[in-house]
Amino acid sequence: MVPLKEETSIFQKVNQPMLFINMEKFQTKENLRVMKQMESTEIHRIVITLKGTVHLNQCDVPFLCDKTMRKLFGAHSKLDRFTAMNLTTNLSNVFLSKHLEIPSDPKYSEYIQQHQSVLKEGITSI
């Protein structure tokens, strides 16, 4: 996803629950300011930042390159690439299960709990 733009009028039109999973090094103050406009007390919206991650942690690049290449491409992160991907997947699974009202395997929530130290909830800079 590209950084959020100023076209924020759409935020008021979206009435579905939303989950934002941000990578720490992709955060900017401007992006956080725009994202803040999406907060709602009526609609379930969650923003979670994975500490120690880079934008490319959300794709396959960290798995296709060795450590040297990851550093060269900006895909190397402090947080282990497998942990970053597993957290993204598990957070999404739990969120979707809740809102689609389908059972979720407890192991997803357990994994998230085990890694609380690298999760930052809310729209604040780290």
C-alpha atoms as a PDB file:
ATOM      1  CA  MET A   1       0.000   0.000   0.000  1.00  0.00           C
ATOM      2  CA  VAL A   2       1.207   3.476  -0.754  1.00  0.00           C
ATOM      3  CA  PRO A   3       1.180   6.086   1.996  1.00  0.00           C
ATOM      4  CA  LEU A   4      -2.258   7.527   2.642  1.00  0.00           C
ATOM      5  CA  LYS A   5      -3.194  10.637   0.726  1.00  0.00           C
ATOM      6  CA  GLU A   6      -5.365  13.600   1.552  1.00  0.00           C
ATOM      7  CA  GLU A   7      -8.505  12.100  -0.050  1.00  0.00           C
ATOM      8  CA  THR A   8      -9.964  11.250   3.338  1.00  0.00           C
ATOM      9  CA  SER A   9     -13.643  11.862   2.580  1.00  0.00           C
ATOM     10  CA  ILE A  10     -14.052   8.149   1.865  1.00  0.00           C
ATOM     11  CA  PHE A  11     -13.290   7.267   5.501  1.00  0.00           C
ATOM     12  CA  GLN A  12     -16.707   8.458   6.655  1.00  0.00           C
ATOM     13  CA  LYS A  13     -18.407   6.314   3.985  1.00  0.00           C
ATOM     14  CA  VAL A  14     -16.807   3.046   5.093  1.00  0.00           C
ATOM     15  CA  ASN A  15     -18.949   1.371   7.725  1.00  0.00           C
ATOM     16  CA  GLN A  16     -17.256  -2.021   7.847  1.00  0.00           C
ATOM     17  CA  PRO A  17     -14.777  -3.038  10.529  1.00  0.00           C
ATOM     18  CA  MET A  18     -11.169  -2.363   9.528  1.00  0.00           C
ATOM     19  CA  LEU A  19      -7.831  -3.782  10.582  1.00  0.00           C
ATOM     20  CA  PHE A  20      -4.663  -1.863   9.777  1.00  0.00           C
ATOM     21  CA  ILE A  21      -1.403  -3.744  10.222  1.00  0.00           C
ATOM     22  CA  ASN A  22       1.446  -1.285   9.903  1.00  0.00           C
ATOM     23  CA  MET A  23       5.145  -1.909   9.642  1.00  0.00           C
ATOM     24  CA  GLU A  24       7.163   0.346  11.952  1.00  0.00           C
ATOM     25  CA  LYS A  25       9.626   1.721   9.387  1.00  0.00           C
ATOM     26  CA  PHE A  26       6.806   2.578   6.971  1.00  0.00           C
ATOM     27  CA  GLN A  27       5.197   4.986   9.431  1.00  0.00           C
ATOM     28  CA  THR A  28       5.349   8.720   8.865  1.00  0.00           C
ATOM     29  CA  LYS A  29       3.808  11.455  10.980  1.00  0.00           C
ATOM     30  CA  GLU A  30       1.745  12.571   7.987  1.00  0.00           C
ATOM     31  CA  ASN A  31       0.478   9.041   7.359  1.00  0.00           C
ATOM     32  CA  LEU A  32      -0.459   8.661  11.031  1.00  0.00           C
ATOM     33  CA  ARG A  33      -2.261  12.020  10.958  1.00  0.00           C
ATOM     34  CA  VAL A  34      -4.386  10.915   7.998  1.00  0.00           C
ATOM     35  CA  MET A  35      -4.973   7.487   9.543  1.00  0.00           C
ATOM     36  CA  LYS A  36      -6.187   9.153  12.740  1.00  0.00           C
ATOM     37  CA  GLN A  37      -9.195  10.390  10.773  1.00  0.00           C
ATOM     38  CA  MET A  38     -10.329   6.784  10.359  1.00  0.00           C
ATOM     39  CA  GLU A  39     -10.836   6.252  14.065  1.00  0.00           C
ATOM     40  CA  SER A  40     -14.404   5.575  15.117  1.00  0.00           C
ATOM     41  CA  THR A  41     -16.209   4.862  18.356  1.00  0.00           C
ATOM     42  CA  GLU A  42     -19.074   3.230  16.452  1.00  0.00           C
ATOM     43  CA  ILE A  43     -17.210   0.958  14.027  1.00  0.00           C
ATOM     44  CA  HIS A  44     -14.607  -1.605  15.085  1.00  0.00           C
ATOM     45  CA  ARG A  45     -11.324  -0.324  13.689  1.00  0.00           C
ATOM     46  CA  ILE A  46      -7.969  -1.551  14.903  1.00  0.00           C
ATOM     47  CA  VAL A  47      -4.520  -0.226  14.097  1.00  0.00           C
ATOM     48  CA  ILE A  48      -1.572  -2.409  15.056  1.00  0.00           C
ATOM     49  CA  THR A  49       2.065  -1.662  14.324  1.00  0.00           C
ATOM     50  CA  LEU A  50       4.645  -4.433  14.283  1.00  0.00           C
ATOM     51  CA  LYS A  51       7.746  -3.037  15.969  1.00  0.00           C
ATOM     52  CA  GLY A  52      11.082  -3.690  14.322  1.00  0.00           C
ATOM     53  CA  THR A  53       9.613  -4.261  10.855  1.00  0.00           C
ATOM     54  CA  VAL A  54       9.995  -2.732   7.406  1.00  0.00           C
ATOM     55  CA  HIS A  55       7.407  -2.371   4.647  1.00  0.00           C
ATOM     56  CA  LEU A  56       8.692  -5.400   2.737  1.00  0.00           C
ATOM     57  CA  ASN A  57       7.906  -7.682   5.700  1.00  0.00           C
ATOM     58  CA  GLN A  58       4.406  -7.938   4.224  1.00  0.00           C
ATOM     59  CA  CYS A  59       5.480  -9.698   1.049  1.00  0.00           C
ATOM     60  CA  ASP A  60       7.698 -12.581  -0.045  1.00  0.00           C
ATOM     61  CA  VAL A  61      10.920 -10.582  -0.626  1.00  0.00           C
ATOM     62  CA  PRO A  62      12.407 -11.357   2.823  1.00  0.00           C
ATOM     63  CA  PHE A  63      12.017 -15.072   2.070  1.00  0.00           C
ATOM     64  CA  LEU A  64      13.514 -14.960  -1.417  1.00  0.00           C
ATOM     65  CA  CYS A  65      16.782 -13.220  -0.549  1.00  0.00           C
ATOM     66  CA  ASP A  66      19.676 -13.978   1.750  1.00  0.00           C
ATOM     67  CA  LYS A  67      20.547 -11.558   4.559  1.00  0.00           C
ATOM     68  CA  THR A  68      22.938  -9.486   2.427  1.00  0.00           C
ATOM     69  CA  MET A  69      20.375  -9.060  -0.345  1.00  0.00           C
ATOM     70  CA  ARG A  70      17.627  -8.232   2.170  1.00  0.00           C
ATOM     71  CA  LYS A  71      19.801  -5.434   3.563  1.00  0.00           C
ATOM     72  CA  LEU A  72      20.548  -4.186   0.051  1.00  0.00           C
ATOM     73  CA  PHE A  73      16.845  -4.091  -0.893  1.00  0.00           C
ATOM     74  CA  GLY A  74      15.722  -2.615   2.430  1.00  0.00           C
ATOM     75  CA  ALA A  75      13.933  -5.836   3.332  1.00  0.00           C
ATOM     76  CA  HIS A  76      15.961  -6.651   6.452  1.00  0.00           C
ATOM     77  CA  SER A  77      14.225  -6.000   9.745  1.00  0.00           C
ATOM     78  CA  LYS A  78      15.039  -6.285  13.428  1.00  0.00           C
ATOM     79  CA  LEU A  79      12.046  -8.562  13.902  1.00  0.00           C
ATOM     80  CA  ASP A  80      12.502 -12.032  12.459  1.00  0.00           C
ATOM     81  CA  ARG A  81      10.854 -12.254   9.025  1.00  0.00           C
ATOM     82  CA  PHE A  82       8.937 -15.413   9.970  1.00  0.00           C
ATOM     83  CA  THR A  83       7.582 -13.799  13.131  1.00  0.00           C
ATOM     84  CA  ALA A  84       6.503 -10.705  11.176  1.00  0.00           C
ATOM     85  CA  MET A  85       4.661 -12.780   8.580  1.00  0.00           C
ATOM     86  CA  ASN A  86       3.089 -15.065  11.193  1.00  0.00           C
ATOM     87  CA  LEU A  87       1.851 -12.087  13.212  1.00  0.00           C
ATOM     88  CA  THR A  88       0.347 -10.463  10.120  1.00  0.00           C
ATOM     89  CA  THR A  89      -1.403 -13.706   9.206  1.00  0.00           C
ATOM     90  CA  ASN A  90      -2.616 -14.482  12.726  1.00  0.00           C
ATOM     91  CA  LEU A  91      -3.876 -10.939  13.387  1.00  0.00           C
ATOM     92  CA  SER A  92      -5.803 -11.050  10.115  1.00  0.00           C
ATOM     93  CA  ASN A  93      -7.213 -14.493  10.846  1.00  0.00           C
ATOM     94  CA  VAL A  94      -8.493 -13.554  14.312  1.00  0.00           C
ATOM     95  CA  PHE A  95      -9.995 -10.283  13.041  1.00  0.00           C
ATOM     96  CA  LEU A  96     -11.765 -11.912  10.087  1.00  0.00           C
ATOM     97  CA  SER A  97     -13.003 -14.823  12.177  1.00  0.00           C
ATOM     98  CA  LYS A  98     -14.558 -12.428  14.662  1.00  0.00           C
ATOM     99  CA  HIS A  99     -16.326 -10.298  12.077  1.00  0.00           C
ATOM    100  CA  LEU A 100     -17.394 -13.161   9.838  1.00  0.00           C
ATOM    101  CA  GLU A 101     -18.569 -15.036  12.929  1.00  0.00           C
ATOM    102  CA  ILE A 102     -16.614 -18.176  12.130  1.00  0.00           C
ATOM    103  CA  PRO A 103     -14.546 -20.157  14.623  1.00  0.00           C
ATOM    104  CA  SER A 104     -10.867 -19.331  14.909  1.00  0.00           C
ATOM    105  CA  ASP A 105      -8.255 -21.783  16.061  1.00  0.00           C
ATOM    106  CA  PRO A 106      -7.083 -20.673  19.548  1.00  0.00           C
ATOM    107  CA  LYS A 107      -3.465 -21.116  18.439  1.00  0.00           C
ATOM    108  CA  TYR A 108      -3.720 -17.847  16.456  1.00  0.00           C
ATOM    109  CA  SER A 109      -4.662 -15.816  19.529  1.00  0.00           C
ATOM    110  CA  GLU A 110      -2.054 -17.642  21.606  1.00  0.00           C
ATOM    111  CA  TYR A 111       0.667 -16.748  19.083  1.00  0.00           C
ATOM    112  CA  ILE A 112      -0.396 -13.096  19.186  1.00  0.00           C
ATOM    113  CA  GLN A 113      -0.312 -13.124  22.998  1.00  0.00           C
ATOM    114  CA  GLN A 114       3.188 -14.618  22.996  1.00  0.00           C
ATOM    115  CA  HIS A 115       4.421 -11.712  20.858  1.00  0.00           C
ATOM    116  CA  GLN A 116       2.668  -8.772  22.559  1.00  0.00           C
ATOM    117  CA  SER A 117       6.021  -7.084  23.163  1.00  0.00           C
ATOM    118  CA  VAL A 118       6.413  -6.339  19.431  1.00  0.00           C
ATOM    119  CA  LEU A 119       2.844  -5.110  18.917  1.00  0.00           C
ATOM    120  CA  LYS A 120       1.778  -1.505  19.371  1.00  0.00           C
ATOM    121  CA  GLU A 121      -1.960  -0.892  19.233  1.00  0.00           C
ATOM    122  CA  GLY A 122      -3.404   2.468  18.274  1.00  0.00           C
ATOM    123  CA  ILE A 123      -2.388   5.399  16.133  1.00  0.00           C
ATOM    124  CA  THR A 124       0.711   6.756  17.800  1.00  0.00           C
ATOM    125  CA  SER A 125       4.282   7.060  16.656  1.00  0.00           C
ATOM    126  CA  ILE A 126       6.666   4.528  18.113  1.00  0.00           C
END
